[in-house]
């Protein structure tokens, strides 16, 4: 009678292949809240890494 379940070595090999082939890249996003917009100026709260007069891209 043949066993239908993989052995420990085979499971270990499959797991290692999946782990080594995993995509580990990350995309960092920072979000905040728009308080007001006027005259080309946006007042935004919550963007800790943005400084005054810095160009920021918004998505809608």
C-alpha atoms as a PDB file:
ATOM      1  CA  UNK A   1       0.000   0.000   0.000  1.00  0.00           C
ATOM      2  CA  UNK A   2       1.540   3.274  -1.129  1.00  0.00           C
ATOM      3  CA  UNK A   3       1.386   6.278   1.209  1.00  0.00           C
ATOM      4  CA  UNK A   4      -0.382   9.289  -0.351  1.00  0.00           C
ATOM      5  CA  UNK A   5       1.079  11.835   2.066  1.00  0.00           C
ATOM      6  CA  UNK A   6       4.453  13.495   1.408  1.00  0.00           C
ATOM      7  CA  UNK A   7       7.348  12.789   3.742  1.00  0.00           C
ATOM      8  CA  UNK A   8       8.958  15.299   6.077  1.00  0.00           C
ATOM      9  CA  UNK A   9      11.862  15.962   3.709  1.00  0.00           C
ATOM     10  CA  UNK A  10       9.513  16.637   0.799  1.00  0.00           C
ATOM     11  CA  UNK A  11       7.334  19.000   2.851  1.00  0.00           C
ATOM     12  CA  UNK A  12      10.449  20.798   4.077  1.00  0.00           C
ATOM     13  CA  UNK A  13      11.730  21.165   0.502  1.00  0.00           C
ATOM     14  CA  UNK A  14       8.395  22.524  -0.755  1.00  0.00           C
ATOM     15  CA  UNK A  15       8.168  25.030   2.112  1.00  0.00           C
ATOM     16  CA  UNK A  16      11.743  26.188   1.561  1.00  0.00           C
ATOM     17  CA  UNK A  17      11.072  26.723  -2.165  1.00  0.00           C
ATOM     18  CA  UNK A  18       7.990  28.795  -1.393  1.00  0.00           C
ATOM     19  CA  UNK A  19       9.767  30.862   1.265  1.00  0.00           C
ATOM     20  CA  UNK A  20      12.808  31.561  -0.914  1.00  0.00           C
ATOM     21  CA  UNK A  21      10.582  32.439  -3.873  1.00  0.00           C
ATOM     22  CA  UNK A  22       8.300  34.756  -1.892  1.00  0.00           C
ATOM     23  CA  UNK A  23       8.044  38.394  -2.945  1.00  0.00           C
ATOM     24  CA  UNK A  24       9.485  40.383  -0.056  1.00  0.00           C
ATOM     25  CA  UNK A  25       9.278  43.803  -1.667  1.00  0.00           C
ATOM     26  CA  UNK A  26       7.182  46.394   0.106  1.00  0.00           C
ATOM     27  CA  UNK A  27       5.596  49.616  -1.010  1.00  0.00           C
ATOM     28  CA  UNK A  28       5.526  52.242   1.685  1.00  0.00           C
ATOM     29  CA  UNK A  29       2.668  54.714   1.699  1.00  0.00           C
ATOM     30  CA  UNK A  30       1.921  57.498   4.106  1.00  0.00           C
ATOM     31  CA  UNK A  31      -1.622  58.746   4.541  1.00  0.00           C
ATOM     32  CA  UNK A  32      -3.051  61.881   6.068  1.00  0.00           C
ATOM     33  CA  UNK A  33      -6.244  63.916   6.187  1.00  0.00           C
ATOM     34  CA  UNK A  34      -6.897  66.940   3.986  1.00  0.00           C
ATOM     35  CA  UNK A  35      -8.195  69.733   6.214  1.00  0.00           C
ATOM     36  CA  UNK A  36      -8.704  72.376   3.522  1.00  0.00           C
ATOM     37  CA  UNK A  37      -7.818  73.214  -0.068  1.00  0.00           C
ATOM     38  CA  UNK A  38      -7.626  76.676  -1.635  1.00  0.00           C
ATOM     39  CA  UNK A  39      -5.452  78.781  -3.961  1.00  0.00           C
ATOM     40  CA  UNK A  40      -3.317  75.734  -4.828  1.00  0.00           C
ATOM     41  CA  UNK A  41      -2.525  75.086  -1.170  1.00  0.00           C
ATOM     42  CA  UNK A  42      -3.692  72.065   0.799  1.00  0.00           C
ATOM     43  CA  UNK A  43      -3.663  71.925   4.586  1.00  0.00           C
ATOM     44  CA  UNK A  44      -3.045  68.315   5.527  1.00  0.00           C
ATOM     45  CA  UNK A  45      -2.818  66.580   8.900  1.00  0.00           C
ATOM     46  CA  UNK A  46      -0.975  63.325   9.594  1.00  0.00           C
ATOM     47  CA  UNK A  47       1.941  63.323   7.139  1.00  0.00           C
ATOM     48  CA  UNK A  48       4.864  63.103   9.556  1.00  0.00           C
ATOM     49  CA  UNK A  49       7.589  62.902   6.891  1.00  0.00           C
ATOM     50  CA  UNK A  50       6.481  65.949   4.871  1.00  0.00           C
ATOM     51  CA  UNK A  51       7.941  69.401   5.414  1.00  0.00           C
ATOM     52  CA  UNK A  52       6.544  72.863   4.670  1.00  0.00           C
ATOM     53  CA  UNK A  53       6.568  73.852   0.976  1.00  0.00           C
ATOM     54  CA  UNK A  54       7.242  70.249  -0.100  1.00  0.00           C
ATOM     55  CA  UNK A  55       5.456  68.982  -3.227  1.00  0.00           C
ATOM     56  CA  UNK A  56       3.020  66.181  -2.367  1.00  0.00           C
ATOM     57  CA  UNK A  57       1.055  64.021  -4.807  1.00  0.00           C
ATOM     58  CA  UNK A  58      -2.607  63.375  -4.004  1.00  0.00           C
ATOM     59  CA  UNK A  59      -4.858  60.632  -5.319  1.00  0.00           C
ATOM     60  CA  UNK A  60      -8.631  60.824  -5.364  1.00  0.00           C
END
